[in-house]
Amino acid sequence: MAWTQADIDTLRAAIASGATRVSYSGPPARSIDYRSLAEMREILALMEGEVVPPAGGATTYRLAQWSKGFR
């Protein structure tokens, strides 16, 4: 499912208010009854992972190598 930033904001507001029923605007418009706060936080993490790219992108490493010239 394609989540939007508006969906994330809606779920965050519901978590902050303590509501377990959340209505998302469309398309498609839908209402979801969550079982617990833990489930809501799990879905929020999933949404953020799909919508918001990781900060800083991929981690790169550089290794230095040197020698004194003796073998």
N, C-alpha and C. Protein backbone atom coordinates (compact mmCIF):
# COMPACT_ATOMS: atom_id res chain seq x y z
N MET A 1 0.84 -1.17 0.00
CA MET A 1 0.00 0.00 0.00
C MET A 1 0.88 1.24 0.00
N ALA A 2 0.52 2.22 -0.72
CA ALA A 2 1.28 3.46 -0.81
C ALA A 2 0.79 4.43 0.26
N TRP A 3 1.65 4.70 1.23
CA TRP A 3 1.32 5.64 2.30
C TRP A 3 1.76 7.04 1.88
N THR A 4 1.14 8.03 2.47
CA THR A 4 1.52 9.42 2.21
C THR A 4 1.92 10.08 3.53
N GLN A 5 2.52 11.25 3.43
CA GLN A 5 2.88 12.00 4.63
C GLN A 5 1.63 12.38 5.42
N ALA A 6 0.52 12.61 4.72
CA ALA A 6 -0.74 12.93 5.40
C ALA A 6 -1.21 11.75 6.25
N ASP A 7 -1.02 10.51 5.76
CA ASP A 7 -1.38 9.32 6.52
C ASP A 7 -0.53 9.23 7.80
N ILE A 8 0.74 9.53 7.67
CA ILE A 8 1.64 9.50 8.82
C ILE A 8 1.20 10.54 9.85
N ASP A 9 0.90 11.74 9.40
CA ASP A 9 0.46 12.81 10.30
C ASP A 9 -0.85 12.44 11.00
N THR A 10 -1.77 11.82 10.27
CA THR A 10 -3.05 11.40 10.84
C THR A 10 -2.84 10.36 11.92
N LEU A 11 -1.99 9.39 11.67
CA LEU A 11 -1.74 8.34 12.66
C LEU A 11 -1.02 8.91 13.88
N ARG A 12 -0.07 9.80 13.67
CA ARG A 12 0.61 10.44 14.80
C ARG A 12 -0.38 11.19 15.68
N ALA A 13 -1.32 11.91 15.06
CA ALA A 13 -2.33 12.65 15.82
C ALA A 13 -3.21 11.71 16.62
N ALA A 14 -3.57 10.58 16.03
CA ALA A 14 -4.39 9.60 16.74
C ALA A 14 -3.64 9.01 17.93
N ILE A 15 -2.36 8.72 17.75
CA ILE A 15 -1.54 8.19 18.84
C ILE A 15 -1.47 9.22 19.97
N ALA A 16 -1.27 10.48 19.62
CA ALA A 16 -1.17 11.54 20.62
C ALA A 16 -2.48 11.73 21.38
N SER A 17 -3.61 11.52 20.72
CA SER A 17 -4.91 11.73 21.37
C SER A 17 -5.41 10.49 22.10
N GLY A 18 -4.79 9.33 21.83
CA GLY A 18 -5.23 8.10 22.48
C GLY A 18 -6.33 7.37 21.73
N ALA A 19 -6.68 7.83 20.55
CA ALA A 19 -7.73 7.18 19.75
C ALA A 19 -7.20 5.90 19.13
N THR A 20 -8.08 4.91 18.98
CA THR A 20 -7.67 3.67 18.32
C THR A 20 -8.34 3.51 16.96
N ARG A 21 -9.30 4.36 16.64
CA ARG A 21 -9.95 4.34 15.32
C ARG A 21 -9.42 5.53 14.53
N VAL A 22 -8.88 5.25 13.35
CA VAL A 22 -8.27 6.29 12.53
C VAL A 22 -8.93 6.27 11.16
N SER A 23 -9.31 7.46 10.68
CA SER A 23 -9.89 7.60 9.34
C SER A 23 -8.88 8.30 8.45
N TYR A 24 -8.49 7.62 7.39
CA TYR A 24 -7.54 8.17 6.42
C TYR A 24 -8.29 8.69 5.22
N SER A 25 -7.85 9.86 4.70
CA SER A 25 -8.48 10.39 3.49
C SER A 25 -7.97 9.59 2.30
N GLY A 26 -8.68 9.61 1.22
CA GLY A 26 -8.42 8.72 0.10
C GLY A 26 -7.30 9.14 -0.82
N PRO A 27 -7.28 8.63 -2.00
CA PRO A 27 -8.02 7.42 -2.36
C PRO A 27 -7.26 6.17 -1.95
N PRO A 28 -7.81 5.16 -1.51
CA PRO A 28 -9.21 5.08 -1.10
C PRO A 28 -9.35 5.59 0.34
N ALA A 29 -10.46 6.23 0.62
CA ALA A 29 -10.76 6.66 2.00
C ALA A 29 -11.05 5.39 2.80
N ARG A 30 -10.53 5.35 4.02
CA ARG A 30 -10.70 4.15 4.82
C ARG A 30 -10.63 4.48 6.30
N SER A 31 -11.25 3.65 7.13
CA SER A 31 -11.17 3.75 8.58
C SER A 31 -10.60 2.44 9.10
N ILE A 32 -9.70 2.55 10.05
CA ILE A 32 -9.06 1.37 10.61
C ILE A 32 -9.17 1.42 12.12
N ASP A 33 -9.58 0.29 12.73
CA ASP A 33 -9.59 0.14 14.18
C ASP A 33 -8.33 -0.62 14.58
N TYR A 34 -7.46 0.05 15.32
CA TYR A 34 -6.24 -0.61 15.79
C TYR A 34 -6.51 -1.26 17.14
N ARG A 35 -5.81 -2.36 17.42
CA ARG A 35 -6.03 -3.10 18.65
C ARG A 35 -5.30 -2.49 19.84
N SER A 36 -4.13 -1.88 19.57
CA SER A 36 -3.34 -1.37 20.69
C SER A 36 -2.42 -0.24 20.23
N LEU A 37 -1.87 0.44 21.21
CA LEU A 37 -0.89 1.48 20.93
C LEU A 37 0.36 0.87 20.29
N ALA A 38 0.73 -0.30 20.73
CA ALA A 38 1.91 -0.97 20.15
C ALA A 38 1.71 -1.25 18.67
N GLU A 39 0.52 -1.68 18.30
CA GLU A 39 0.23 -1.93 16.88
C GLU A 39 0.29 -0.63 16.08
N MET A 40 -0.22 0.45 16.66
CA MET A 40 -0.20 1.74 15.98
C MET A 40 1.23 2.21 15.76
N ARG A 41 2.08 2.04 16.77
CA ARG A 41 3.48 2.44 16.63
C ARG A 41 4.20 1.59 15.60
N GLU A 42 3.87 0.32 15.53
CA GLU A 42 4.47 -0.58 14.54
C GLU A 42 4.10 -0.15 13.12
N ILE A 43 2.83 0.17 12.92
CA ILE A 43 2.37 0.63 11.60
C ILE A 43 3.00 1.98 11.26
N LEU A 44 3.13 2.87 12.26
CA LEU A 44 3.75 4.17 12.02
C LEU A 44 5.19 3.99 11.55
N ALA A 45 5.93 3.09 12.18
CA ALA A 45 7.31 2.83 11.76
C ALA A 45 7.35 2.30 10.33
N LEU A 46 6.42 1.43 9.99
CA LEU A 46 6.33 0.90 8.62
C LEU A 46 6.05 2.03 7.63
N MET A 47 5.10 2.90 7.96
CA MET A 47 4.77 4.03 7.08
C MET A 47 5.98 4.93 6.87
N GLU A 48 6.64 5.28 7.97
CA GLU A 48 7.79 6.18 7.87
C GLU A 48 8.92 5.55 7.07
N GLY A 49 9.09 4.25 7.18
CA GLY A 49 10.12 3.57 6.40
C GLY A 49 9.85 3.59 4.92
N GLU A 50 8.57 3.60 4.55
CA GLU A 50 8.22 3.61 3.13
C GLU A 50 8.18 5.02 2.55
N VAL A 51 7.83 6.01 3.37
CA VAL A 51 7.64 7.37 2.87
C VAL A 51 8.90 8.21 3.01
N VAL A 52 9.53 8.15 4.16
CA VAL A 52 10.68 9.01 4.45
C VAL A 52 11.97 8.24 4.17
N PRO A 53 12.80 8.72 3.25
CA PRO A 53 14.06 8.02 2.99
C PRO A 53 14.99 8.13 4.19
N PRO A 54 15.86 7.16 4.41
CA PRO A 54 16.78 7.22 5.54
C PRO A 54 17.67 8.46 5.46
N ALA A 55 17.91 9.08 6.59
CA ALA A 55 18.75 10.28 6.64
C ALA A 55 20.19 9.94 6.29
N GLY A 56 20.77 10.71 5.41
CA GLY A 56 22.17 10.51 5.07
C GLY A 56 22.42 9.47 4.00
N GLY A 57 21.43 8.71 3.62
CA GLY A 57 21.61 7.70 2.58
C GLY A 57 22.47 6.54 3.05
N ALA A 58 23.14 5.90 2.13
CA ALA A 58 23.96 4.74 2.44
C ALA A 58 25.25 5.15 3.15
N THR A 59 25.69 4.32 4.05
CA THR A 59 26.94 4.58 4.76
C THR A 59 28.10 4.04 3.93
N THR A 60 29.11 4.85 3.76
CA THR A 60 30.29 4.40 3.02
C THR A 60 31.49 4.41 3.96
N TYR A 61 32.39 3.50 3.72
CA TYR A 61 33.61 3.39 4.50
C TYR A 61 34.81 3.49 3.57
N ARG A 62 35.86 4.14 4.05
CA ARG A 62 37.11 4.22 3.29
C ARG A 62 38.21 3.67 4.17
N LEU A 63 39.01 2.82 3.62
CA LEU A 63 40.12 2.25 4.36
C LEU A 63 41.42 2.75 3.76
N ALA A 64 42.29 3.20 4.64
CA ALA A 64 43.60 3.68 4.18
C ALA A 64 44.60 2.54 4.30
N GLN A 65 45.54 2.49 3.37
CA GLN A 65 46.58 1.48 3.41
C GLN A 65 47.90 2.15 3.04
N TRP A 66 48.92 1.87 3.81
CA TRP A 66 50.23 2.42 3.51
C TRP A 66 51.30 1.44 3.94
N SER A 67 52.49 1.73 3.49
CA SER A 67 53.60 0.85 3.78
C SER A 67 54.87 1.69 3.90
N LYS A 68 55.89 1.18 4.63
CA LYS A 68 57.16 1.88 4.77
C LYS A 68 58.09 1.54 3.61
N GLY A 69 57.67 0.69 2.76
CA GLY A 69 58.49 0.35 1.61
C GLY A 69 59.32 -0.91 1.82
N PHE A 70 59.33 -1.47 3.00
CA PHE A 70 60.07 -2.70 3.28
C PHE A 70 59.17 -3.91 3.05
N ARG A 71 59.78 -4.93 2.46
CA ARG A 71 58.99 -6.13 2.25
C ARG A 71 59.63 -7.29 2.90
